[in-house]
Amino acid sequence: MKIPMSAPDIGESERQAVAAVLHTPRLSMGPQVEAFEASMAQYLGARHAIAVSSGTAALHLCVRAAGIQDGDLVITTPFSFVASANVLLYERAIPVFVDVDPRTGNLDPTRVAEAAAGLAGSSAARWLPRLGAERQGELRAVLAVDVFGQPADYDPLLATAQAHGLSLIEDASEALGAHYRGRPAGRFGDAAAFAFYPNKQLTTGEGGMVVTERDDWAERIQALRNQGRASGDSWLQHTYPGYNYRLDEMSAALGQAQAERLDELLTKRDRVAGWYHEQLDRLPEIELPWIAAETTRMSWFVYVIRLGPGLDRSRLMAELETKGIPSRAYFEPIHWQPYMVERFGFREGDFPVAEDLGRRSLALPFSGVMSREQVEYVAAGLREAIERF
């Protein structure tokens, strides 16, 4: 059996929606984008939902709306996809990494509070990277990531942000449909970014969305995504230097059709995660995903296990591959990326929890279209590989 690492859940309604756009004269920033935005705003209970070309674009526009610029400091996580730090580098800001919770992989709120207090006092150097912070500016924001579909612990993060006058940006790219204490991911802080890559809970092929309650941020973001053209500008007038971060009509039509099925899509992913739990629960050599009490609804983006002592991940992955089972090391900590080491002088041991998770985490094949038979095949292959080694 050959198992795909992930696969989008695309039905006939999505195909028809995209095909219908091809019979219209409007292929960019038209009624499909507006309908998709309205659907997402309603689903999340948000005042503004702004469609853009990718999750990275969404997060970058949040950073721009927060006024983060050259030398500013932003507290964020080293255990994430690189985009959450790269958007800070686009504005020449300085990422201040703090370590993560060993169970969820999300930002540790206690360390965030300590860093915010330390950066405002005489111990600032303790929290700054070894290199690249010679022209440091102000601490401006906290950028939290909802890792693997589980929201960060937002109550204490919000308290820290408010205490220090910081913006709070939520990277909810992996957490559409998740709930924290009964509230949907994407509704915490000043703005949130969602992503709709093909392996996400909802896909537009490529695409993203900014969600915010702030009228001033929404107005700025709407202009910046469209080459800086603000409300009231004529066709070739541009109030700001902006970007081509627009979402096209075909992608929006796909997203709108997926949005109409969103509860179904989430339920199917939850079912697959349940099958994995059943199959792997009694395997003592691994740790299953841990769901915090504050997570009142998990939104399964990927299914990531952690290997116990003595298991060689590379050998295990190679053995799985011989059975037609792909797997991924998830995540490589951001501060280990070569360009981060060169620019900021990070070293092994700087963030031991994130590094431990980076060494032991393994993503198994996962999507809402997986069958029970496929999950059982993956689980059997994993058990056999563990026994062999």
Protein backbone atom coordinates (compact mmCIF):
# COMPACT_ATOMS: atom_id res chain seq x y z
CA MET A 1 0.00 0.00 0.00
CA LYS A 2 1.30 3.46 -0.93
CA ILE A 3 0.13 6.14 1.54
CA PRO A 4 0.26 9.88 0.65
CA MET A 5 1.65 12.19 3.33
CA SER A 6 -1.42 14.41 2.95
CA ALA A 7 -4.24 14.99 0.47
CA PRO A 8 -6.88 17.70 0.09
CA ASP A 9 -10.55 16.77 0.46
CA ILE A 10 -11.96 18.10 -2.84
CA GLY A 11 -15.46 17.22 -4.02
CA GLU A 12 -17.63 17.90 -7.02
CA SER A 13 -19.04 21.12 -5.53
CA GLU A 14 -15.52 22.57 -5.40
CA ARG A 15 -14.78 21.56 -8.98
CA GLN A 16 -17.98 23.12 -10.23
CA ALA A 17 -17.37 26.33 -8.27
CA VAL A 18 -13.91 26.81 -9.78
CA ALA A 19 -15.10 25.95 -13.28
CA ALA A 20 -17.93 28.48 -13.02
CA VAL A 21 -15.45 31.30 -12.44
CA LEU A 22 -13.78 30.54 -15.76
CA HIS A 23 -17.01 31.52 -17.52
CA THR A 24 -16.96 35.01 -15.97
CA PRO A 25 -14.93 38.08 -16.92
CA ARG A 26 -13.69 38.67 -13.35
CA LEU A 27 -10.72 36.55 -12.22
CA SER A 28 -9.22 38.77 -9.50
CA MET A 29 -10.69 40.47 -6.41
CA GLY A 30 -14.35 40.02 -7.28
CA PRO A 31 -17.55 38.50 -5.88
CA GLN A 32 -15.97 35.16 -5.00
CA VAL A 33 -13.36 36.83 -2.79
CA GLU A 34 -16.09 38.89 -1.11
CA ALA A 35 -18.26 35.82 -0.53
CA PHE A 36 -15.34 33.83 0.89
CA GLU A 37 -14.42 36.67 3.24
CA ALA A 38 -18.03 36.97 4.41
CA SER A 39 -18.23 33.22 5.08
CA MET A 40 -15.04 33.19 7.14
CA ALA A 41 -16.03 36.29 9.09
CA GLN A 42 -19.36 34.70 9.93
CA TYR A 43 -17.82 31.35 10.86
CA LEU A 44 -15.31 32.97 13.21
CA GLY A 45 -17.61 35.71 14.46
CA ALA A 46 -15.10 38.33 13.33
CA ARG A 47 -15.62 41.91 12.25
CA HIS A 48 -13.14 41.74 9.36
CA ALA A 49 -11.84 38.85 7.26
CA ILE A 50 -9.42 39.80 4.49
CA ALA A 51 -8.41 37.22 1.88
CA VAL A 52 -4.81 37.19 0.64
CA SER A 53 -2.51 35.03 -1.46
CA SER A 54 -0.95 32.91 1.31
CA GLY A 55 -0.73 32.42 5.05
CA THR A 56 2.70 34.02 5.00
CA ALA A 57 1.24 37.08 3.27
CA ALA A 58 -1.49 37.24 5.92
CA LEU A 59 1.03 37.11 8.74
CA HIS A 60 3.30 39.66 7.07
CA LEU A 61 0.40 42.10 6.75
CA CYS A 62 -0.37 41.66 10.45
CA VAL A 63 3.23 42.59 11.21
CA ARG A 64 2.99 45.65 8.96
CA ALA A 65 -0.31 46.72 10.53
CA ALA A 66 1.31 46.50 13.98
CA GLY A 67 3.88 49.06 12.87
CA ILE A 68 6.81 46.71 13.48
CA GLN A 69 9.93 48.02 11.82
CA ASP A 70 13.73 48.06 11.71
CA GLY A 71 15.25 46.93 15.02
CA ASP A 72 11.98 46.36 16.85
CA LEU A 73 11.73 43.33 19.12
CA VAL A 74 9.01 40.69 18.86
CA ILE A 75 8.69 37.77 21.26
CA THR A 76 7.92 34.58 19.37
CA THR A 77 8.50 30.84 19.20
CA PRO A 78 11.44 28.85 17.82
CA PHE A 79 9.19 25.79 17.31
CA SER A 80 7.17 26.61 14.21
CA PHE A 81 7.30 26.73 10.45
CA VAL A 82 9.90 29.32 9.43
CA ALA A 83 7.35 31.79 8.03
CA SER A 84 6.38 32.95 11.54
CA ALA A 85 9.90 34.31 12.02
CA ASN A 86 10.59 35.26 8.40
CA VAL A 87 7.78 37.82 8.38
CA LEU A 88 9.68 39.66 11.11
CA LEU A 89 12.87 39.59 9.09
CA TYR A 90 11.02 41.12 6.13
CA GLU A 91 10.67 44.25 8.27
CA ARG A 92 14.21 43.93 9.71
CA ALA A 93 12.75 43.28 13.16
CA ILE A 94 14.51 41.08 15.72
CA PRO A 95 12.82 37.83 16.77
CA VAL A 96 13.19 37.23 20.50
CA PHE A 97 12.70 33.50 20.85
CA VAL A 98 11.51 31.97 24.10
CA ASP A 99 11.15 28.29 24.79
CA VAL A 100 7.92 26.34 24.51
CA ASP A 101 5.64 24.15 26.57
CA PRO A 102 6.96 20.57 26.40
CA ARG A 103 3.47 19.07 26.06
CA THR A 104 1.85 21.28 23.41
CA GLY A 105 4.87 22.81 21.66
CA ASN A 106 3.22 26.23 21.96
CA LEU A 107 4.81 29.29 23.55
CA ASP A 108 5.35 28.92 27.29
CA PRO A 109 3.38 31.86 28.79
CA THR A 110 5.62 32.01 31.87
CA ARG A 111 8.72 32.46 29.74
CA VAL A 112 6.93 35.06 27.62
CA ALA A 113 6.10 37.08 30.75
CA GLU A 114 9.69 36.80 31.98
CA ALA A 115 11.06 37.91 28.60
CA ALA A 116 8.70 40.89 28.38
CA ALA A 117 9.69 42.04 31.87
CA GLY A 118 13.38 41.39 31.23
CA LEU A 119 13.47 43.25 27.94
CA ALA A 120 12.00 46.28 29.69
CA GLY A 121 14.68 46.21 32.39
CA SER A 122 18.36 45.79 33.00
CA SER A 123 18.42 42.10 32.02
CA ALA A 124 17.49 42.72 28.37
CA ALA A 125 20.73 41.21 27.06
CA ARG A 126 19.78 37.82 28.49
CA TRP A 127 16.88 37.55 26.09
CA LEU A 128 18.47 39.01 22.95
CA PRO A 129 20.27 36.95 20.30
CA ARG A 130 24.09 37.00 20.41
CA LEU A 131 24.33 38.81 17.08
CA GLY A 132 22.15 41.17 15.09
CA ALA A 133 20.64 43.09 17.99
CA GLU A 134 23.13 45.93 18.16
CA ARG A 135 20.53 48.45 16.96
CA GLN A 136 17.63 47.19 18.98
CA GLY A 137 14.45 49.21 19.10
CA GLU A 138 11.36 48.79 21.25
CA LEU A 139 9.61 45.61 22.27
CA ARG A 140 6.51 45.88 20.10
CA ALA A 141 4.61 42.59 19.99
CA VAL A 142 4.11 38.95 20.87
CA LEU A 143 3.63 36.65 17.88
CA ALA A 144 2.13 33.33 19.02
CA VAL A 145 1.69 30.24 16.87
CA ASP A 146 -1.09 27.66 17.28
CA VAL A 147 1.07 24.61 16.68
CA PHE A 148 -0.37 21.52 14.96
CA GLY A 149 -3.95 22.80 15.32
CA GLN A 150 -3.92 23.52 19.06
CA PRO A 151 -4.33 27.14 20.23
CA ALA A 152 -1.66 28.68 22.39
CA ASP A 153 -2.53 29.48 26.02
CA TYR A 154 -3.96 32.92 25.29
CA ASP A 155 -5.26 34.17 28.64
CA PRO A 156 -1.78 34.65 30.16
CA LEU A 157 -0.34 35.77 26.82
CA LEU A 158 -3.01 38.48 26.57
CA ALA A 159 -2.31 39.55 30.13
CA THR A 160 1.39 39.96 29.35
CA ALA A 161 0.69 41.87 26.13
CA GLN A 162 -1.70 44.24 27.90
CA ALA A 163 0.65 44.77 30.84
CA HIS A 164 3.46 45.89 28.53
CA GLY A 165 1.40 47.66 25.86
CA LEU A 166 2.25 45.11 23.17
CA SER A 167 0.37 43.99 20.09
CA LEU A 168 -0.60 40.33 20.09
CA ILE A 169 -0.54 38.59 16.70
CA GLU A 170 -1.92 35.07 16.36
CA ASP A 171 -0.54 32.74 13.73
CA ALA A 172 -3.58 30.46 13.47
CA SER A 173 -2.45 29.02 10.13
CA GLU A 174 -2.71 25.47 11.48
CA ALA A 175 -5.74 25.89 13.73
CA LEU A 176 -8.84 26.79 11.74
CA GLY A 177 -11.81 25.42 13.68
CA ALA A 178 -9.98 24.97 16.99
CA HIS A 179 -11.39 26.48 20.18
CA TYR A 180 -9.63 27.84 23.26
CA ARG A 181 -11.88 28.00 26.32
CA GLY A 182 -14.90 27.92 23.99
CA ARG A 183 -13.68 30.68 21.67
CA PRO A 184 -12.46 30.07 18.12
CA ALA A 185 -8.79 30.28 17.21
CA GLY A 186 -8.11 33.52 15.42
CA ARG A 187 -10.10 35.67 17.84
CA PHE A 188 -7.32 36.54 20.29
CA GLY A 189 -5.24 39.67 20.21
CA ASP A 190 -5.15 42.34 17.54
CA ALA A 191 -5.19 40.14 14.45
CA ALA A 192 -4.75 36.56 13.31
CA ALA A 193 -3.51 34.86 10.17
CA PHE A 194 -4.92 31.71 8.59
CA ALA A 195 -3.42 29.64 5.76
CA PHE A 196 -5.15 27.50 3.14
CA TYR A 197 -2.31 25.42 1.70
CA PRO A 198 -3.42 21.99 0.33
CA ASN A 199 -2.61 20.15 3.59
CA LYS A 200 -4.68 22.53 5.73
CA GLN A 201 -8.17 21.93 7.13
CA LEU A 202 -9.58 24.11 4.34
CA THR A 203 -7.70 24.71 1.12
CA THR A 204 -7.71 27.25 -1.66
CA GLY A 205 -4.60 25.72 -3.27
CA GLU A 206 -2.58 28.69 -2.09
CA GLY A 207 -4.17 31.41 -0.01
CA GLY A 208 -4.65 32.94 3.41
CA MET A 209 -6.85 35.21 5.49
CA VAL A 210 -6.36 37.98 8.04
CA VAL A 211 -8.99 38.26 10.76
CA THR A 212 -9.22 41.32 13.00
CA GLU A 213 -11.64 43.39 15.03
CA ARG A 214 -9.61 46.56 14.48
CA ASP A 215 -10.99 48.87 11.80
CA ASP A 216 -7.68 50.71 11.46
CA TRP A 217 -5.72 47.50 10.92
CA ALA A 218 -8.30 46.16 8.46
CA GLU A 219 -8.22 49.34 6.38
CA ARG A 220 -4.42 49.25 6.20
CA ILE A 221 -4.27 45.55 5.38
CA GLN A 222 -6.90 45.83 2.65
CA ALA A 223 -4.81 48.53 1.00
CA LEU A 224 -1.45 46.81 1.43
CA ARG A 225 -2.63 43.53 -0.14
CA ASN A 226 -3.61 45.44 -3.31
CA GLN A 227 -0.43 47.38 -4.12
CA GLY A 228 -1.16 49.96 -1.41
CA ARG A 229 -4.37 51.18 -3.02
CA ALA A 230 -6.46 52.63 -0.19
CA SER A 231 -10.20 53.21 -0.13
CA GLY A 232 -10.92 56.26 -2.29
CA ASP A 233 -7.82 55.88 -4.46
CA SER A 234 -8.39 55.80 -8.19
CA TRP A 235 -7.16 52.93 -10.38
CA LEU A 236 -3.53 54.08 -10.52
CA GLN A 237 -3.33 55.90 -7.18
CA HIS A 238 -1.51 54.21 -4.31
CA THR A 239 -1.56 55.71 -0.81
CA TYR A 240 0.99 53.19 0.53
CA PRO A 241 3.85 51.14 -0.87
CA GLY A 242 2.03 47.81 -0.95
CA TYR A 243 2.20 44.26 -2.26
CA ASN A 244 0.51 42.00 -4.74
CA TYR A 245 -0.98 39.80 -2.02
CA ARG A 246 -4.39 39.46 -3.67
CA LEU A 247 -6.34 36.20 -3.70
CA ASP A 248 -7.70 35.32 -7.15
CA GLU A 249 -11.34 34.50 -7.85
CA MET A 250 -10.74 30.83 -8.69
CA SER A 251 -8.96 30.20 -5.40
CA ALA A 252 -11.67 32.08 -3.52
CA ALA A 253 -14.38 30.01 -5.21
CA LEU A 254 -12.60 26.86 -4.07
CA GLY A 255 -12.33 28.30 -0.56
CA GLN A 256 -15.99 29.28 -0.47
CA ALA A 257 -17.07 25.79 -1.50
CA GLN A 258 -14.79 24.32 1.16
CA ALA A 259 -16.14 26.75 3.77
CA GLU A 260 -19.64 25.41 3.15
CA ARG A 261 -18.30 21.96 4.12
CA LEU A 262 -16.00 23.10 6.92
CA ASP A 263 -17.69 21.29 9.80
CA GLU A 264 -17.71 18.11 7.71
CA LEU A 265 -14.03 18.52 6.87
CA LEU A 266 -13.09 19.03 10.52
CA THR A 267 -15.17 16.04 11.62
CA LYS A 268 -13.47 13.77 9.10
CA ARG A 269 -10.03 14.84 10.30
CA ASP A 270 -11.07 14.30 13.90
CA ARG A 271 -12.20 10.78 12.98
CA VAL A 272 -8.82 9.95 11.43
CA ALA A 273 -7.02 11.24 14.53
CA GLY A 274 -9.29 9.02 16.63
CA TRP A 275 -8.32 5.98 14.57
CA TYR A 276 -4.64 6.78 15.16
CA HIS A 277 -5.31 7.08 18.91
CA GLU A 278 -6.97 3.65 18.93
CA GLN A 279 -4.12 2.03 17.05
CA LEU A 280 -1.19 3.63 18.88
CA ASP A 281 -2.49 4.19 22.39
CA ARG A 282 -0.79 1.12 23.88
CA LEU A 283 2.56 1.61 22.18
CA PRO A 284 4.86 2.60 25.09
CA GLU A 285 7.78 3.64 22.91
CA ILE A 286 5.97 6.76 21.64
CA GLU A 287 4.00 9.70 23.02
CA LEU A 288 0.68 10.59 21.39
CA PRO A 289 -0.41 14.22 20.82
CA TRP A 290 -1.34 15.90 24.10
CA ILE A 291 -4.41 18.13 24.22
CA ALA A 292 -4.54 20.83 26.91
CA ALA A 293 -7.60 21.27 29.10
CA GLU A 294 -7.97 24.80 27.69
CA THR A 295 -8.33 23.39 24.19
CA THR A 296 -12.07 22.87 24.07
CA ARG A 297 -11.88 21.83 20.42
CA MET A 298 -8.82 20.47 18.69
CA SER A 299 -8.47 21.09 14.97
CA TRP A 300 -6.27 18.36 13.54
CA PHE A 301 -3.79 19.80 11.06
CA VAL A 302 -1.19 17.01 11.29
CA TYR A 303 -0.78 13.95 13.49
CA VAL A 304 2.57 14.23 15.26
CA ILE A 305 3.92 11.64 17.67
CA ARG A 306 7.07 11.87 19.79
CA LEU A 307 9.58 9.08 19.91
CA GLY A 308 10.84 7.74 23.21
CA PRO A 309 14.49 7.22 24.22
CA GLY A 310 16.50 4.82 22.16
CA LEU A 311 14.56 5.20 18.92
CA ASP A 312 16.60 6.43 15.97
CA ARG A 313 14.20 8.64 14.03
CA SER A 314 16.15 8.57 10.77
CA ARG A 315 16.30 4.77 10.73
CA LEU A 316 12.63 4.57 11.67
CA MET A 317 11.64 6.92 8.84
CA ALA A 318 13.75 4.95 6.36
CA GLU A 319 12.09 1.70 7.46
CA LEU A 320 8.62 3.22 7.09
CA GLU A 321 9.52 4.45 3.61
CA THR A 322 10.27 0.87 2.50
CA LYS A 323 6.64 0.06 3.36
CA GLY A 324 5.29 2.97 1.31
CA ILE A 325 4.70 5.10 4.41
CA PRO A 326 6.10 8.65 4.29
CA SER A 327 6.82 10.62 7.46
CA ARG A 328 8.32 13.96 8.35
CA ALA A 329 10.51 15.42 11.11
CA TYR A 330 8.22 18.17 12.42
CA PHE A 331 9.52 20.85 13.15
CA GLU A 332 13.19 21.63 12.67
CA PRO A 333 13.57 24.45 15.24
CA ILE A 334 13.80 27.82 13.56
CA HIS A 335 16.94 28.89 15.42
CA TRP A 336 18.76 25.89 13.89
CA GLN A 337 18.12 27.11 10.35
CA PRO A 338 21.47 28.07 8.75
CA TYR A 339 20.49 31.67 7.98
CA MET A 340 19.28 32.18 11.55
CA VAL A 341 22.55 30.85 12.98
CA GLU A 342 24.56 33.10 10.68
CA ARG A 343 22.50 36.21 11.33
CA PHE A 344 21.80 35.93 15.05
CA GLY A 345 24.43 33.55 16.42
CA PHE A 346 22.03 30.97 17.83
CA ARG A 347 23.57 27.77 19.21
CA GLU A 348 22.46 24.33 20.13
CA GLY A 349 21.17 24.39 23.70
CA ASP A 350 19.64 27.88 23.49
CA PHE A 351 16.06 26.53 23.62
CA PRO A 352 16.28 22.99 24.99
CA VAL A 353 12.57 22.17 25.01
CA ALA A 354 12.07 23.19 21.39
CA GLU A 355 15.22 21.30 20.47
CA ASP A 356 14.04 18.15 22.24
CA LEU A 357 10.72 18.32 20.40
CA GLY A 358 12.57 18.95 17.16
CA ARG A 359 14.63 15.77 17.67
CA ARG A 360 11.76 13.48 18.72
CA SER A 361 8.70 14.66 16.78
CA LEU A 362 7.49 12.63 13.82
CA ALA A 363 4.51 13.49 11.61
CA LEU A 364 2.63 10.49 10.26
CA PRO A 365 0.51 10.54 7.08
CA PHE A 366 -2.66 12.48 7.79
CA SER A 367 -5.67 13.90 5.99
CA GLY A 368 -9.42 13.83 6.20
CA VAL A 369 -9.64 11.43 3.27
CA MET A 370 -7.58 8.67 4.88
CA SER A 371 -9.41 5.39 5.40
CA ARG A 372 -9.35 3.26 8.53
CA GLU A 373 -7.48 0.64 6.52
CA GLN A 374 -4.75 3.15 5.67
CA VAL A 375 -4.41 4.25 9.30
CA GLU A 376 -4.18 0.62 10.42
CA TYR A 377 -1.50 0.01 7.79
CA VAL A 378 0.55 2.98 8.99
CA ALA A 379 0.17 1.93 12.63
CA ALA A 380 1.18 -1.67 11.87
CA GLY A 381 4.20 -0.45 9.92
CA LEU A 382 5.23 1.80 12.79
CA ARG A 383 4.89 -1.02 15.33
CA GLU A 384 6.97 -3.36 13.15
CA ALA A 385 9.66 -0.71 12.64
CA ILE A 386 9.89 -0.01 16.36
CA GLU A 387 10.16 -3.73 17.17
CA ARG A 388 12.89 -4.14 14.57
CA PHE A 389 15.02 -1.37 16.05
